Amino acid sequence: PVLFDEAIASLEIRPDGVYIDGTAGGGGHSKAIADRLTTGTLLSIDQDPDAVAVVKERLKGMACSTVVRANFSDMDRVARERGLVPVDGVLLDIGVSSYQLDTPERGFSYHSDAPLDMRMSKQGPSAKDLVNTLSWQELAEIISRYGEDRNAKSIAKGIVRAREDGPIETTGQLAEIIKASVPAAVRREQGHPARKTFQALRIEVNGELDALSDGLDAAFSILKPGGRLAVITFHSLEDRMVKQR
């Protein structure tokens, strides 16, 4: 897990405390918290059914552990239903997990050709739905806002032009369309030009910034006085929201 030592140290885990790992992922952070508990309780939450299965297996037999499939933005309800409030600490590791990126068929990565999906929960509209139905103006707004890409307009127009020949079905197709839609200088200077667009679509598909805002509110509403909230962020939009809140 990223920032493992820093995240665990920042929680100042008490053996009898109540803790929530709101983004359990592969279970690395959850396991570290659980290992430090005696009479305490750990609630591990993830919206990805694959992650929930992995964490349940990893923490099997640990009496302190409860694993629930939900979005971390709903952690206050989940904790209250189980009589686990107030809590001593909450950990959030925001964004896509390495498992999701490294599993091509989940459709998050432009490094391999796979169905264009990007849904963390495996529910609701996918990235394929977005790129094949939204107007170029709507796509440009998403790419500009969440990808902070100066070429948003030309990429969006390139996507709409390309889908006239047939639906955009795969990550590889989309990556090639983006590459063809930006100037050669951008391709030389910025690495793969699809990175920002893929990030933007992923954030939109999963409502990530709304979930983060709601999740911060939820965490603060159930923390004890003196409780601790540790948040790991990866890009400026998340980082800014967490710092300001």
Foldseek 3Di string as FASTA:
>chain_A
DPPQVVQQVQQVQDQAFEEEEQDCAQNPNVVVNLVSHDNHAYEYEHLAPVNLVNNCVVCPPRVRYDYDYDHLLCVLVVCVVVVNFQGQEYEYEADDDPVCAVPPQNQLDLPDKYFNALARNSDDDGLLNPLLPDQLVVQLVLLCPQLVDPLSSQLSVLSNVVCVVPGDTISPSSQVSQVVRDDPVCCVPPPRSCVSSSRSSNCVRHVRVVSLLSSVVSNVVGYDVNGYYHYHDDDDSSVVSVVVD
